Amino acid sequence: MAIKVEHEMHTRRKGRNIGVGLLLTGLIGIVFGLTVVKVLQLDNITQLEKFDHVARPQLIPQEEAN
């Protein structure tokens, strides 16, 4: 026969763990939401590729290069 009595410390820890889990889920949701909004505001995918501040000749249209 197993002993199933939970100490009140376990119930407090469970409550704190649930709270921390909800906070982490909320933070992940905020970061994901900001990412979705940023990507949806782009008119052209090359805008996202230019964000790394590195000169990449393959991204320059040919009419500008001449």
PDB file of N, CA and C in Angstrom:
ATOM      1  N   MET A   1       0.841  -1.164   0.000  1.00  0.00           N
ATOM      2  CA  MET A   1       0.000   0.000   0.000  1.00  0.00           C
ATOM      3  C   MET A   1       0.900   1.246   0.000  1.00  0.00           C
ATOM      4  N   ALA A   2       0.746   2.095  -1.007  1.00  0.00           N
ATOM      5  CA  ALA A   2       1.563   3.296  -1.137  1.00  0.00           C
ATOM      6  C   ALA A   2       0.954   4.442  -0.341  1.00  0.00           C
ATOM      7  N   ILE A   3       1.800   5.280   0.170  1.00  0.00           N
ATOM      8  CA  ILE A   3       1.347   6.458   0.912  1.00  0.00           C
ATOM      9  C   ILE A   3       1.110   7.582  -0.095  1.00  0.00           C
ATOM     10  N   LYS A   4      -0.087   8.148  -0.116  1.00  0.00           N
ATOM     11  CA  LYS A   4      -0.472   9.151  -1.105  1.00  0.00           C
ATOM     12  C   LYS A   4      -0.680  10.532  -0.493  1.00  0.00           C
ATOM     13  N   VAL A   5      -0.286  10.740   0.743  1.00  0.00           N
ATOM     14  CA  VAL A   5      -0.527  12.015   1.403  1.00  0.00           C
ATOM     15  C   VAL A   5       0.473  13.037   0.867  1.00  0.00           C
ATOM     16  N   GLU A   6      -0.045  14.183   0.354  1.00  0.00           N
ATOM     17  CA  GLU A   6       0.812  15.255  -0.137  1.00  0.00           C
ATOM     18  C   GLU A   6       0.991  16.293   0.950  1.00  0.00           C
ATOM     19  N   HIS A   7       2.198  16.735   1.097  1.00  0.00           N
ATOM     20  CA  HIS A   7       2.478  17.793   2.050  1.00  0.00           C
ATOM     21  C   HIS A   7       2.014  19.117   1.452  1.00  0.00           C
ATOM     22  N   GLU A   8       1.706  20.107   2.281  1.00  0.00           N
ATOM     23  CA  GLU A   8       1.220  21.389   1.775  1.00  0.00           C
ATOM     24  C   GLU A   8       2.308  22.113   1.005  1.00  0.00           C
ATOM     25  N   MET A   9       3.557  21.792   1.232  1.00  0.00           N
ATOM     26  CA  MET A   9       4.653  22.379   0.472  1.00  0.00           C
ATOM     27  C   MET A   9       4.549  21.982  -1.006  1.00  0.00           C
ATOM     28  N   HIS A  10       4.108  20.764  -1.275  1.00  0.00           N
ATOM     29  CA  HIS A  10       3.978  20.314  -2.661  1.00  0.00           C
ATOM     30  C   HIS A  10       2.885  21.083  -3.391  1.00  0.00           C
ATOM     31  N   THR A  11       1.819  21.384  -2.706  1.00  0.00           N
ATOM     32  CA  THR A  11       0.741  22.140  -3.362  1.00  0.00           C
ATOM     33  C   THR A  11       1.192  23.569  -3.652  1.00  0.00           C
ATOM     34  N   ARG A  12       1.992  24.174  -2.762  1.00  0.00           N
ATOM     35  CA  ARG A  12       2.520  25.515  -3.034  1.00  0.00           C
ATOM     36  C   ARG A  12       3.474  25.483  -4.217  1.00  0.00           C
ATOM     37  N   ARG A  13       4.341  24.489  -4.268  1.00  0.00           N
ATOM     38  CA  ARG A  13       5.273  24.374  -5.396  1.00  0.00           C
ATOM     39  C   ARG A  13       4.519  24.167  -6.700  1.00  0.00           C
ATOM     40  N   LYS A  14       3.474  23.370  -6.643  1.00  0.00           N
ATOM     41  CA  LYS A  14       2.679  23.117  -7.847  1.00  0.00           C
ATOM     42  C   LYS A  14       2.078  24.419  -8.358  1.00  0.00           C
ATOM     43  N   GLY A  15       1.558  25.223  -7.440  1.00  0.00           N
ATOM     44  CA  GLY A  15       0.989  26.512  -7.828  1.00  0.00           C
ATOM     45  C   GLY A  15       2.033  27.443  -8.427  1.00  0.00           C
ATOM     46  N   ARG A  16       3.212  27.478  -7.834  1.00  0.00           N
ATOM     47  CA  ARG A  16       4.281  28.316  -8.376  1.00  0.00           C
ATOM     48  C   ARG A  16       4.744  27.817  -9.734  1.00  0.00           C
ATOM     49  N   ASN A  17       4.840  26.512  -9.883  1.00  0.00           N
ATOM     50  CA  ASN A  17       5.249  25.955 -11.170  1.00  0.00           C
ATOM     51  C   ASN A  17       4.249  26.293 -12.266  1.00  0.00           C
ATOM     52  N   ILE A  18       2.974  26.228 -11.933  1.00  0.00           N
ATOM     53  CA  ILE A  18       1.950  26.588 -12.916  1.00  0.00           C
ATOM     54  C   ILE A  18       2.065  28.067 -13.271  1.00  0.00           C
ATOM     55  N   GLY A  19       2.316  28.915 -12.275  1.00  0.00           N
ATOM     56  CA  GLY A  19       2.485  30.348 -12.539  1.00  0.00           C
ATOM     57  C   GLY A  19       3.678  30.630 -13.430  1.00  0.00           C
ATOM     58  N   VAL A  20       4.803  29.982 -13.156  1.00  0.00           N
ATOM     59  CA  VAL A  20       5.998  30.175 -13.981  1.00  0.00           C
ATOM     60  C   VAL A  20       5.737  29.655 -15.401  1.00  0.00           C
ATOM     61  N   GLY A  21       5.056  28.543 -15.508  1.00  0.00           N
ATOM     62  CA  GLY A  21       4.720  28.004 -16.831  1.00  0.00           C
ATOM     63  C   GLY A  21       3.843  28.957 -17.621  1.00  0.00           C
ATOM     64  N   LEU A  22       2.872  29.570 -16.957  1.00  0.00           N
ATOM     65  CA  LEU A  22       2.008  30.544 -17.640  1.00  0.00           C
ATOM     66  C   LEU A  22       2.797  31.783 -18.070  1.00  0.00           C
ATOM     67  N   LEU A  23       3.702  32.243 -17.222  1.00  0.00           N
ATOM     68  CA  LEU A  23       4.532  33.393 -17.593  1.00  0.00           C
ATOM     69  C   LEU A  23       5.420  33.080 -18.793  1.00  0.00           C
ATOM     70  N   LEU A  24       6.035  31.901 -18.795  1.00  0.00           N
ATOM     71  CA  LEU A  24       6.873  31.515 -19.930  1.00  0.00           C
ATOM     72  C   LEU A  24       6.051  31.378 -21.217  1.00  0.00           C
ATOM     73  N   THR A  25       4.877  30.808 -21.097  1.00  0.00           N
ATOM     74  CA  THR A  25       3.996  30.678 -22.259  1.00  0.00           C
ATOM     75  C   THR A  25       3.593  32.054 -22.784  1.00  0.00           C
ATOM     76  N   GLY A  26       3.310  32.983 -21.879  1.00  0.00           N
ATOM     77  CA  GLY A  26       2.968  34.345 -22.287  1.00  0.00           C
ATOM     78  C   GLY A  26       4.123  35.039 -22.986  1.00  0.00           C
ATOM     79  N   LEU A  27       5.322  34.870 -22.466  1.00  0.00           N
ATOM     80  CA  LEU A  27       6.505  35.478 -23.082  1.00  0.00           C
ATOM     81  C   LEU A  27       6.735  34.913 -24.483  1.00  0.00           C
ATOM     82  N   ILE A  28       6.621  33.609 -24.608  1.00  0.00           N
ATOM     83  CA  ILE A  28       6.773  32.979 -25.925  1.00  0.00           C
ATOM     84  C   ILE A  28       5.699  33.479 -26.880  1.00  0.00           C
ATOM     85  N   GLY A  29       4.481  33.644 -26.387  1.00  0.00           N
ATOM     86  CA  GLY A  29       3.390  34.159 -27.217  1.00  0.00           C
ATOM     87  C   GLY A  29       3.644  35.580 -27.693  1.00  0.00           C
ATOM     88  N   ILE A  30       4.202  36.424 -26.809  1.00  0.00           N
ATOM     89  CA  ILE A  30       4.507  37.805 -27.190  1.00  0.00           C
ATOM     90  C   ILE A  30       5.589  37.834 -28.264  1.00  0.00           C
ATOM     91  N   VAL A  31       6.649  37.070 -28.082  1.00  0.00           N
ATOM     92  CA  VAL A  31       7.737  37.040 -29.067  1.00  0.00           C
ATOM     93  C   VAL A  31       7.230  36.498 -30.397  1.00  0.00           C
ATOM     94  N   PHE A  32       6.424  35.448 -30.361  1.00  0.00           N
ATOM     95  CA  PHE A  32       5.873  34.890 -31.604  1.00  0.00           C
ATOM     96  C   PHE A  32       4.960  35.904 -32.286  1.00  0.00           C
ATOM     97  N   GLY A  33       4.131  36.587 -31.504  1.00  0.00           N
ATOM     98  CA  GLY A  33       3.232  37.593 -32.075  1.00  0.00           C
ATOM     99  C   GLY A  33       3.990  38.735 -32.726  1.00  0.00           C
ATOM    100  N   LEU A  34       5.038  39.225 -32.074  1.00  0.00           N
ATOM    101  CA  LEU A  34       5.841  40.293 -32.662  1.00  0.00           C
ATOM    102  C   LEU A  34       6.514  39.837 -33.948  1.00  0.00           C
ATOM    103  N   THR A  35       6.969  38.591 -33.979  1.00  0.00           N
ATOM    104  CA  THR A  35       7.598  38.054 -35.183  1.00  0.00           C
ATOM    105  C   THR A  35       6.598  37.979 -36.331  1.00  0.00           C
ATOM    106  N   VAL A  36       5.402  37.515 -36.051  1.00  0.00           N
ATOM    107  CA  VAL A  36       4.375  37.412 -37.089  1.00  0.00           C
ATOM    108  C   VAL A  36       4.017  38.793 -37.626  1.00  0.00           C
ATOM    109  N   VAL A  37       3.853  39.759 -36.739  1.00  0.00           N
ATOM    110  CA  VAL A  37       3.513  41.115 -37.176  1.00  0.00           C
ATOM    111  C   VAL A  37       4.635  41.698 -38.035  1.00  0.00           C
ATOM    112  N   LYS A  38       5.880  41.488 -37.631  1.00  0.00           N
ATOM    113  CA  LYS A  38       7.004  42.018 -38.397  1.00  0.00           C
ATOM    114  C   LYS A  38       7.067  41.399 -39.788  1.00  0.00           C
ATOM    115  N   VAL A  39       6.874  40.106 -39.877  1.00  0.00           N
ATOM    116  CA  VAL A  39       6.940  39.431 -41.179  1.00  0.00           C
ATOM    117  C   VAL A  39       5.763  39.842 -42.058  1.00  0.00           C
ATOM    118  N   LEU A  40       4.584  40.020 -41.486  1.00  0.00           N
ATOM    119  CA  LEU A  40       3.424  40.409 -42.287  1.00  0.00           C
ATOM    120  C   LEU A  40       3.515  41.846 -42.791  1.00  0.00           C
ATOM    121  N   GLN A  41       4.304  42.689 -42.138  1.00  0.00           N
ATOM    122  CA  GLN A  41       4.441  44.074 -42.583  1.00  0.00           C
ATOM    123  C   GLN A  41       5.425  44.223 -43.741  1.00  0.00           C
ATOM    124  N   LEU A  42       6.167  43.179 -44.059  1.00  0.00           N
ATOM    125  CA  LEU A  42       7.131  43.256 -45.155  1.00  0.00           C
ATOM    126  C   LEU A  42       6.400  43.222 -46.491  1.00  0.00           C
ATOM    127  N   ASP A  43       6.789  44.121 -47.383  1.00  0.00           N
ATOM    128  CA  ASP A  43       6.212  44.110 -48.722  1.00  0.00           C
ATOM    129  C   ASP A  43       6.944  43.115 -49.619  1.00  0.00           C
ATOM    130  N   ASN A  44       8.255  43.004 -49.395  1.00  0.00           N
ATOM    131  CA  ASN A  44       9.087  42.155 -50.231  1.00  0.00           C
ATOM    132  C   ASN A  44      10.009  41.351 -49.318  1.00  0.00           C
ATOM    133  N   ILE A  45      10.234  40.096 -49.618  1.00  0.00           N
ATOM    134  CA  ILE A  45      11.043  39.231 -48.762  1.00  0.00           C
ATOM    135  C   ILE A  45      12.494  39.698 -48.707  1.00  0.00           C
ATOM    136  N   THR A  46      12.964  40.447 -49.719  1.00  0.00           N
ATOM    137  CA  THR A  46      14.347  40.919 -49.688  1.00  0.00           C
ATOM    138  C   THR A  46      14.553  41.952 -48.584  1.00  0.00           C
ATOM    139  N   GLN A  47      13.485  42.587 -48.104  1.00  0.00           N
ATOM    140  CA  GLN A  47      13.624  43.506 -46.979  1.00  0.00           C
ATOM    141  C   GLN A  47      14.101  42.763 -45.741  1.00  0.00           C
ATOM    142  N   LEU A  48      13.616  41.560 -45.537  1.00  0.00           N
ATOM    143  CA  LEU A  48      14.038  40.765 -44.396  1.00  0.00           C
ATOM    144  C   LEU A  48      15.490  40.325 -44.557  1.00  0.00           C
ATOM    145  N   GLU A  49      15.899  40.013 -45.776  1.00  0.00           N
ATOM    146  CA  GLU A  49      17.262  39.570 -46.018  1.00  0.00           C
ATOM    147  C   GLU A  49      18.264  40.710 -45.900  1.00  0.00           C
ATOM    148  N   LYS A  50      17.842  41.941 -46.116  1.00  0.00           N
ATOM    149  CA  LYS A  50      18.741  43.089 -46.027  1.00  0.00           C
ATOM    150  C   LYS A  50      18.955  43.542 -44.591  1.00  0.00           C
ATOM    151  N   PHE A  51      18.235  42.995 -43.660  1.00  0.00           N
ATOM    152  CA  PHE A  51      18.278  43.473 -42.276  1.00  0.00           C
ATOM    153  C   PHE A  51      19.581  43.148 -41.569  1.00  0.00           C
ATOM    154  N   ASP A  52      20.403  42.256 -42.111  1.00  0.00           N
ATOM    155  CA  ASP A  52      21.622  41.861 -41.416  1.00  0.00           C
ATOM    156  C   ASP A  52      22.770  42.857 -41.593  1.00  0.00           C
ATOM    157  N   HIS A  53      22.552  43.965 -42.310  1.00  0.00           N
ATOM    158  CA  HIS A  53      23.520  45.047 -42.463  1.00  0.00           C
ATOM    159  C   HIS A  53      24.820  44.608 -43.132  1.00  0.00           C
ATOM    160  N   VAL A  54      24.756  43.617 -43.980  1.00  0.00           N
ATOM    161  CA  VAL A  54      25.922  43.136 -44.709  1.00  0.00           C
ATOM    162  C   VAL A  54      25.652  43.351 -46.192  1.00  0.00           C
ATOM    163  N   ALA A  55      26.631  43.908 -46.881  1.00  0.00           N
ATOM    164  CA  ALA A  55      26.480  44.123 -48.319  1.00  0.00           C
ATOM    165  C   ALA A  55      26.489  42.778 -49.029  1.00  0.00           C
ATOM    166  N   ARG A  56      25.386  42.471 -49.698  1.00  0.00           N
ATOM    167  CA  ARG A  56      25.283  41.214 -50.446  1.00  0.00           C
ATOM    168  C   ARG A  56      24.906  41.562 -51.877  1.00  0.00           C
ATOM    169  N   PRO A  57      25.847  41.474 -52.795  1.00  0.00           N
ATOM    170  CA  PRO A  57      25.596  41.895 -54.183  1.00  0.00           C
ATOM    171  C   PRO A  57      24.440  41.159 -54.852  1.00  0.00           C
ATOM    172  N   GLN A  58      24.170  39.934 -54.462  1.00  0.00           N
ATOM    173  CA  GLN A  58      23.090  39.186 -55.114  1.00  0.00           C
ATOM    174  C   GLN A  58      21.712  39.766 -54.799  1.00  0.00           C
ATOM    175  N   LEU A  59      21.618  40.635 -53.799  1.00  0.00           N
ATOM    176  CA  LEU A  59      20.322  41.220 -53.460  1.00  0.00           C
ATOM    177  C   LEU A  59      20.072  42.542 -54.209  1.00  0.00           C
ATOM    178  N   ILE A  60      21.094  43.101 -54.833  1.00  0.00           N
ATOM    179  CA  ILE A  60      20.940  44.358 -55.547  1.00  0.00           C
ATOM    180  C   ILE A  60      20.334  44.059 -56.923  1.00  0.00           C
ATOM    181  N   PRO A  61      19.219  44.694 -57.251  1.00  0.00           N
ATOM    182  CA  PRO A  61      18.642  44.472 -58.583  1.00  0.00           C
ATOM    183  C   PRO A  61      19.608  44.888 -59.683  1.00  0.00           C
ATOM    184  N   GLN A  62      19.533  44.244 -60.817  1.00  0.00           N
ATOM    185  CA  GLN A  62      20.490  44.462 -61.896  1.00  0.00           C
ATOM    186  C   GLN A  62      20.416  45.893 -62.453  1.00  0.00           C
ATOM    187  N   GLU A  63      19.232  46.524 -62.476  1.00  0.00           N
ATOM    188  CA  GLU A  63      19.139  47.891 -63.011  1.00  0.00           C
ATOM    189  C   GLU A  63      19.846  48.893 -62.102  1.00  0.00           C
ATOM    190  N   GLU A  64      19.958  48.617 -60.777  1.00  0.00           N
ATOM    191  CA  GLU A  64      20.687  49.505 -59.885  1.00  0.00           C
ATOM    192  C   GLU A  64      22.182  49.288 -60.007  1.00  0.00           C
ATOM    193  N   ALA A  65      22.611  48.092 -60.297  1.00  0.00           N
ATOM    194  CA  ALA A  65      24.030  47.760 -60.347  1.00  0.00           C
ATOM    195  C   ALA A  65      24.722  48.411 -61.542  1.00  0.00           C
ATOM    196  N   ASN A  66      23.990  48.682 -62.623  1.00  0.00           N
ATOM    197  CA  ASN A  66      24.586  49.268 -63.849  1.00  0.00           C
ATOM    198  C   ASN A  66      24.730  50.739 -63.755  1.00  0.00           C
TER     199      ASN A  66
END
